[in-house]
Amino acid sequence: MTSILNVSPSPHVHGTETTRKLMFGVVIALLPALFASVFFFGTGAIIVTATSVAACVLFEYLIQRFMLRKEVSITDGSAIVTGLLLAFNLPSNTPLFIIVTGAFVAIAVAKMTFGGLGNNPFNPALVGRVFLLISFPVQMTSWPVPAGFATGYTDAVTGATPLAVIKEGIKNGESLSALMAKVPGTVDLLIGKMGGSMGEISALALLAGFAYMLWKKIITWHIPVSVLGSIAVFTSVLWLINPDIYAPPLFHLLAGGVMIGAIFMATDYVTSPMNPRAMIIYGIGIGVLTVIIRVWGAYPEGVSFAILIMNAFVPLMNTYIKPRRFGEELKNG
């Protein structure tokens, strides 16, 4: 009797990691930044986060259950991560209907339209954020300012982000030295005592999440380091050329959404390259585009747009920037 041997497609080496385990690892890594947001903005941060996560999970469940009629996969944690990242890209005083709208765009349009997790070409949370920024520019740029340590968030207190202060001031002909005196210093930028979205708060908390994900091998260093490194190099060159109009590199690294973008959003498994060499090129592209938009573009912040632009190049990178196959010999000449 002849036996038939069925060989499954590669890869044939399997690890212990699962989608659920990785996604909840990201959730844990985001907790320090979430606690910092609640500390500075109070109940507003809790309401925005809870609404965003609940809406993302609900929309994914409804679409899978009643429209696609496929197995519901909300327990894998991906919708929770999308909800958290969307919340981290919003002001803590965002109206509920705007949060729900952003969640719908992120899940229904940016994720499920393409077939769900693993098929979406663009980061869903960033698509939702950019849609809201274009559709509701006033609400999306009314930034709450922390009322003080442990004093909670006050609805009436809003102001510009540090990046917006610098950009608008330079545009109006003010000196950079005078403008730098108006924005939080390095220590405040590190701990998060400044106006902005929830994800712009506390670089230290975000770096703690980065360290955790590296320790757990959820991500590698290639993308975050290449993003931050390219921004540091580019802004250092500009600052050395003309320190009267270009902010120093440390300010660019700590202000705005650079940290959360480089650590948590550019590293999204689905929308980032698959090998280290492509990851570095991808990260450098994000860093360069971020600085170009910040310095010469219409918006004071450019991280979201930079990541989405580079997301579009990922399929090309995965096709043409590949590691050498095992056992393959390099040809000379």
Protein backbone atom coordinates (compact mmCIF):
# COMPACT_ATOMS: atom_id res chain seq x y z
CA MET A 1 0.00 0.00 0.00
CA THR A 2 1.42 3.39 -1.03
CA SER A 3 1.42 6.16 1.54
CA ILE A 4 0.84 9.74 0.44
CA LEU A 5 3.02 12.32 2.16
CA ASN A 6 1.44 15.75 2.29
CA VAL A 7 3.92 18.56 2.80
CA SER A 8 2.51 21.87 3.95
CA PRO A 9 3.82 25.19 2.64
CA SER A 10 6.62 26.95 4.47
CA PRO A 11 7.45 28.08 7.06
CA HIS A 12 8.00 24.74 8.75
CA VAL A 13 9.47 26.13 11.97
CA HIS A 14 6.88 27.31 14.45
CA GLY A 15 7.28 29.39 17.58
CA THR A 16 5.20 29.82 20.71
CA GLU A 17 4.03 33.34 19.82
CA THR A 18 0.38 33.90 18.94
CA THR A 19 -1.45 36.96 17.68
CA ARG A 20 -3.29 37.23 20.97
CA LYS A 21 -0.08 37.04 23.01
CA LEU A 22 1.66 39.69 20.90
CA MET A 23 -1.30 42.06 20.91
CA PHE A 24 -1.77 41.93 24.65
CA GLY A 25 1.96 42.42 25.01
CA VAL A 26 1.51 45.72 23.16
CA VAL A 27 -1.40 46.58 25.47
CA ILE A 28 0.84 46.05 28.50
CA ALA A 29 3.55 48.20 26.93
CA LEU A 30 1.04 51.03 26.44
CA LEU A 31 -0.08 51.03 30.08
CA PRO A 32 2.65 53.38 31.42
CA ALA A 33 1.71 56.01 28.83
CA LEU A 34 -1.99 55.48 29.61
CA PHE A 35 -1.36 55.99 33.33
CA ALA A 36 0.61 59.16 32.54
CA SER A 37 -2.28 60.47 30.42
CA VAL A 38 -4.79 59.82 33.19
CA PHE A 39 -2.44 61.45 35.71
CA PHE A 40 -2.20 64.66 33.68
CA PHE A 41 -5.64 64.82 32.02
CA GLY A 42 -7.81 62.99 34.54
CA THR A 43 -11.18 61.50 33.61
CA GLY A 44 -11.02 62.90 30.09
CA ALA A 45 -8.27 60.43 29.20
CA ILE A 46 -10.26 57.54 30.70
CA ILE A 47 -13.42 58.44 28.76
CA VAL A 48 -11.61 58.84 25.43
CA THR A 49 -9.73 55.55 25.84
CA ALA A 50 -12.74 53.53 26.98
CA THR A 51 -14.93 54.90 24.18
CA SER A 52 -12.31 54.29 21.50
CA VAL A 53 -11.55 50.72 22.58
CA ALA A 54 -15.24 49.80 23.03
CA ALA A 55 -16.19 51.27 19.64
CA CYS A 56 -13.36 49.50 17.80
CA VAL A 57 -14.20 46.14 19.36
CA LEU A 58 -17.93 46.61 18.71
CA PHE A 59 -17.49 47.59 15.04
CA GLU A 60 -15.17 44.65 14.37
CA TYR A 61 -17.63 42.25 16.01
CA LEU A 62 -20.64 43.59 14.09
CA ILE A 63 -18.85 43.55 10.73
CA GLN A 64 -17.51 40.02 11.16
CA ARG A 65 -20.74 38.65 12.61
CA PHE A 66 -23.38 40.22 10.39
CA MET A 67 -21.68 41.45 7.21
CA LEU A 68 -18.76 39.13 6.51
CA ARG A 69 -20.45 36.22 8.31
CA LYS A 70 -17.10 34.81 9.38
CA GLU A 71 -15.64 33.69 12.66
CA VAL A 72 -15.46 36.58 15.13
CA SER A 73 -11.85 37.27 16.12
CA ILE A 74 -12.15 40.16 18.57
CA THR A 75 -10.49 38.03 21.24
CA ASP A 76 -7.16 38.27 19.40
CA GLY A 77 -6.68 41.75 20.88
CA SER A 78 -6.00 43.58 17.61
CA ALA A 79 -9.14 45.74 17.88
CA ILE A 80 -8.16 46.68 21.43
CA VAL A 81 -4.71 47.79 20.25
CA THR A 82 -6.29 49.83 17.45
CA GLY A 83 -8.65 51.46 19.94
CA LEU A 84 -5.81 52.32 22.31
CA LEU A 85 -3.62 53.77 19.56
CA LEU A 86 -6.51 55.79 18.15
CA ALA A 87 -7.22 57.19 21.63
CA PHE A 88 -3.55 58.08 22.01
CA ASN A 89 -3.82 60.19 18.85
CA LEU A 90 -6.74 62.24 20.17
CA PRO A 91 -7.06 65.16 22.58
CA SER A 92 -8.52 64.11 25.92
CA ASN A 93 -11.49 66.46 25.40
CA THR A 94 -12.56 64.90 22.10
CA PRO A 95 -16.38 64.66 21.76
CA LEU A 96 -17.72 61.11 21.88
CA PHE A 97 -19.27 61.19 18.40
CA ILE A 98 -15.88 62.08 16.90
CA ILE A 99 -14.20 59.20 18.73
CA VAL A 100 -16.83 56.74 17.47
CA THR A 101 -16.47 58.10 13.93
CA GLY A 102 -12.72 57.61 14.06
CA ALA A 103 -13.15 54.08 15.36
CA PHE A 104 -15.54 53.26 12.51
CA VAL A 105 -13.10 54.55 9.89
CA ALA A 106 -10.20 52.71 11.50
CA ILE A 107 -11.97 49.34 11.72
CA ALA A 108 -14.56 49.34 8.94
CA VAL A 109 -12.64 51.27 6.28
CA ALA A 110 -8.94 50.83 7.00
CA LYS A 111 -9.03 47.26 8.34
CA MET A 112 -12.09 45.16 7.49
CA THR A 113 -12.52 46.51 3.94
CA PHE A 114 -9.22 44.82 3.06
CA GLY A 115 -10.11 41.52 4.74
CA GLY A 116 -9.22 42.13 8.36
CA LEU A 117 -6.02 41.65 10.33
CA GLY A 118 -3.05 40.80 8.15
CA ASN A 119 -4.44 42.32 4.96
CA ASN A 120 -4.69 46.06 5.64
CA PRO A 121 -1.99 48.10 3.85
CA PHE A 122 -2.24 51.13 6.16
CA ASN A 123 -2.18 51.44 9.93
CA PRO A 124 -5.89 51.56 10.92
CA ALA A 125 -5.49 53.87 13.90
CA LEU A 126 -3.55 56.40 11.82
CA VAL A 127 -6.13 56.29 9.03
CA GLY A 128 -8.80 57.05 11.61
CA ARG A 129 -6.73 59.85 13.09
CA VAL A 130 -5.96 61.53 9.76
CA PHE A 131 -9.62 61.27 8.72
CA LEU A 132 -10.66 63.02 11.92
CA LEU A 133 -7.96 65.68 11.55
CA ILE A 134 -9.23 66.56 8.08
CA SER A 135 -12.94 66.30 8.97
CA PHE A 136 -12.90 67.97 12.41
CA PRO A 137 -9.84 70.26 12.42
CA VAL A 138 -11.06 72.51 15.25
CA GLN A 139 -11.86 69.72 17.71
CA MET A 140 -8.73 67.79 16.74
CA THR A 141 -6.47 70.76 17.41
CA SER A 142 -8.02 72.02 20.64
CA TRP A 143 -5.40 70.60 22.94
CA PRO A 144 -6.07 70.33 26.69
CA VAL A 145 -3.25 71.61 28.86
CA PRO A 146 -2.55 69.72 32.10
CA ALA A 147 -3.84 71.82 34.98
CA GLY A 148 -0.98 70.62 37.17
CA PHE A 149 0.37 67.57 38.86
CA ALA A 150 -2.42 65.37 40.18
CA THR A 151 -5.01 68.13 39.75
CA GLY A 152 -6.81 66.56 36.85
CA TYR A 153 -8.05 67.99 33.59
CA THR A 154 -9.94 71.24 33.29
CA ASP A 155 -12.23 71.59 30.27
CA ALA A 156 -11.68 75.33 29.92
CA VAL A 157 -7.90 75.09 29.67
CA THR A 158 -6.71 74.53 26.12
CA GLY A 159 -3.62 75.64 24.25
CA ALA A 160 -1.26 74.98 21.38
CA THR A 161 1.21 72.12 21.34
CA PRO A 162 4.92 72.97 21.66
CA LEU A 163 5.42 72.19 17.96
CA ALA A 164 2.58 74.53 16.98
CA VAL A 165 3.99 77.33 19.15
CA ILE A 166 7.38 77.07 17.46
CA LYS A 167 6.01 76.77 13.92
CA GLU A 168 3.55 79.65 14.25
CA GLY A 169 6.10 81.84 15.99
CA ILE A 170 8.77 81.30 13.34
CA LYS A 171 6.17 82.05 10.68
CA ASN A 172 5.40 85.36 12.42
CA GLY A 173 9.06 86.33 12.60
CA GLU A 174 9.69 85.69 16.30
CA SER A 175 13.11 84.56 17.41
CA LEU A 176 13.59 80.90 18.24
CA SER A 177 15.18 81.70 21.60
CA ALA A 178 12.09 83.64 22.67
CA LEU A 179 9.81 80.86 21.42
CA MET A 180 11.75 78.14 23.25
CA ALA A 181 11.11 80.05 26.47
CA LYS A 182 7.36 79.68 25.85
CA VAL A 183 7.36 75.89 25.49
CA PRO A 184 8.03 73.21 28.12
CA GLY A 185 11.65 72.41 28.87
CA THR A 186 13.36 69.06 28.43
CA VAL A 187 12.27 67.71 31.82
CA ASP A 188 8.62 68.61 31.26
CA LEU A 189 8.74 67.08 27.77
CA LEU A 190 10.18 63.88 29.25
CA ILE A 191 7.56 63.49 31.96
CA GLY A 192 4.68 64.87 29.89
CA LYS A 193 3.63 68.16 31.44
CA MET A 194 2.53 69.81 28.19
CA GLY A 195 -0.45 70.19 25.90
CA GLY A 196 -1.16 67.69 23.16
CA SER A 197 -2.79 64.38 22.42
CA MET A 198 -2.69 61.56 24.93
CA GLY A 199 0.08 59.79 23.05
CA GLU A 200 2.32 62.86 23.10
CA ILE A 201 2.43 62.76 26.86
CA SER A 202 5.50 61.46 28.72
CA ALA A 203 8.36 60.31 26.53
CA LEU A 204 9.67 58.37 29.53
CA ALA A 205 6.48 56.31 29.75
CA LEU A 206 6.64 55.51 26.03
CA LEU A 207 10.31 54.56 26.30
CA ALA A 208 9.41 52.23 29.17
CA GLY A 209 6.93 50.53 26.83
CA PHE A 210 9.66 50.32 24.19
CA ALA A 211 12.01 48.61 26.64
CA TYR A 212 9.28 46.13 27.59
CA MET A 213 8.55 45.20 23.96
CA LEU A 214 12.25 44.73 23.25
CA TRP A 215 12.58 42.53 26.33
CA LYS A 216 9.61 40.42 25.29
CA LYS A 217 10.85 40.36 21.67
CA ILE A 218 7.53 41.79 20.47
CA ILE A 219 9.44 44.18 18.20
CA THR A 220 13.06 44.69 17.19
CA TRP A 221 15.11 47.86 17.49
CA HIS A 222 15.43 48.51 13.75
CA ILE A 223 12.39 50.68 13.04
CA PRO A 224 12.24 52.81 16.22
CA VAL A 225 15.99 53.48 16.24
CA SER A 226 16.10 54.31 12.53
CA VAL A 227 13.12 56.69 12.87
CA LEU A 228 14.53 58.47 15.92
CA GLY A 229 18.08 58.41 14.57
CA SER A 230 17.16 59.91 11.21
CA ILE A 231 15.11 62.65 12.89
CA ALA A 232 18.02 63.41 15.22
CA VAL A 233 20.52 63.61 12.35
CA PHE A 234 18.30 65.65 10.02
CA THR A 235 17.27 68.19 12.69
CA SER A 236 20.87 68.43 13.95
CA VAL A 237 22.03 69.43 10.47
CA LEU A 238 19.29 72.05 10.19
CA TRP A 239 20.01 73.37 13.68
CA LEU A 240 23.73 73.68 12.95
CA ILE A 241 23.00 75.48 9.68
CA ASN A 242 20.70 78.03 11.29
CA PRO A 243 19.97 77.74 15.03
CA ASP A 244 17.87 80.92 14.86
CA ILE A 245 14.98 79.30 13.00
CA TYR A 246 15.43 75.53 13.42
CA ALA A 247 14.68 73.91 16.77
CA PRO A 248 17.32 71.63 18.37
CA PRO A 249 17.12 67.86 17.76
CA LEU A 250 16.21 66.95 21.34
CA PHE A 251 13.11 69.14 21.13
CA HIS A 252 12.01 67.41 17.93
CA LEU A 253 12.50 63.98 19.50
CA LEU A 254 10.58 64.71 22.69
CA ALA A 255 7.79 66.98 21.39
CA GLY A 256 4.79 65.75 19.45
CA GLY A 257 4.05 62.20 18.38
CA VAL A 258 7.55 61.04 17.41
CA MET A 259 7.91 58.59 20.29
CA ILE A 260 4.54 56.87 19.99
CA GLY A 261 4.81 56.89 16.21
CA ALA A 262 8.29 55.34 16.12
CA ILE A 263 7.69 52.81 18.90
CA PHE A 264 4.07 51.72 18.58
CA MET A 265 2.71 52.71 15.15
CA ALA A 266 5.56 52.39 12.68
CA THR A 267 6.29 48.92 14.10
CA ASP A 268 2.84 47.52 13.30
CA TYR A 269 3.44 43.97 12.02
CA VAL A 270 1.04 44.16 9.10
CA THR A 271 2.06 47.53 7.67
CA SER A 272 5.85 47.43 8.23
CA PRO A 273 8.58 45.55 6.31
CA MET A 274 9.54 41.99 7.16
CA ASN A 275 13.34 42.06 7.15
CA PRO A 276 15.86 44.23 9.04
CA ARG A 277 17.42 45.98 6.03
CA ALA A 278 14.01 47.08 4.74
CA MET A 279 12.97 48.08 8.28
CA ILE A 280 15.90 50.50 8.51
CA ILE A 281 15.13 52.06 5.12
CA TYR A 282 11.46 52.29 6.11
CA GLY A 283 12.35 53.96 9.42
CA ILE A 284 14.70 56.46 7.79
CA GLY A 285 11.97 57.36 5.30
CA ILE A 286 9.53 58.03 8.15
CA GLY A 287 12.07 60.17 9.98
CA VAL A 288 12.99 62.27 6.95
CA LEU A 289 9.36 62.81 5.92
CA THR A 290 8.42 63.76 9.47
CA VAL A 291 11.03 66.51 9.59
CA ILE A 292 10.16 67.78 6.09
CA ILE A 293 6.47 68.10 7.03
CA ARG A 294 7.23 69.65 10.41
CA VAL A 295 9.66 72.23 9.09
CA TRP A 296 8.27 73.10 5.64
CA GLY A 297 4.77 71.61 5.57
CA ALA A 298 1.42 73.13 6.52
CA TYR A 299 1.06 71.05 9.71
CA PRO A 300 3.28 71.40 12.78
CA GLU A 301 3.32 67.60 13.14
CA GLY A 302 4.10 65.09 10.42
CA VAL A 303 4.52 61.67 12.03
CA SER A 304 1.10 60.28 11.07
CA PHE A 305 1.40 61.34 7.45
CA ALA A 306 4.98 60.07 7.23
CA ILE A 307 4.05 56.61 8.50
CA LEU A 308 1.07 56.31 6.14
CA ILE A 309 3.20 57.38 3.17
CA MET A 310 5.85 54.80 4.00
CA ASN A 311 3.14 52.15 4.58
CA ALA A 312 2.39 52.47 0.86
CA PHE A 313 5.98 51.47 0.01
CA VAL A 314 6.07 48.39 2.24
CA PRO A 315 4.81 45.88 -0.41
CA LEU A 316 7.52 47.16 -2.76
CA MET A 317 10.16 46.79 -0.04
CA ASN A 318 9.04 43.27 0.81
CA THR A 319 9.31 42.35 -2.87
CA TYR A 320 12.70 43.82 -3.73
CA ILE A 321 14.57 44.06 -0.41
CA LYS A 322 14.92 40.47 0.70
CA PRO A 323 17.52 38.62 2.75
CA ARG A 324 19.72 36.12 0.92
CA ARG A 325 18.15 32.66 0.87
CA PHE A 326 19.74 30.06 3.07
CA GLY A 327 22.41 28.22 1.09
CA GLU A 328 22.39 30.72 -1.78
CA GLU A 329 25.80 31.68 -3.12
CA LEU A 330 26.66 35.26 -4.03
CA LYS A 331 27.65 35.74 -7.69
CA ASN A 332 30.81 37.68 -8.46
CA GLY A 333 30.85 40.28 -11.24
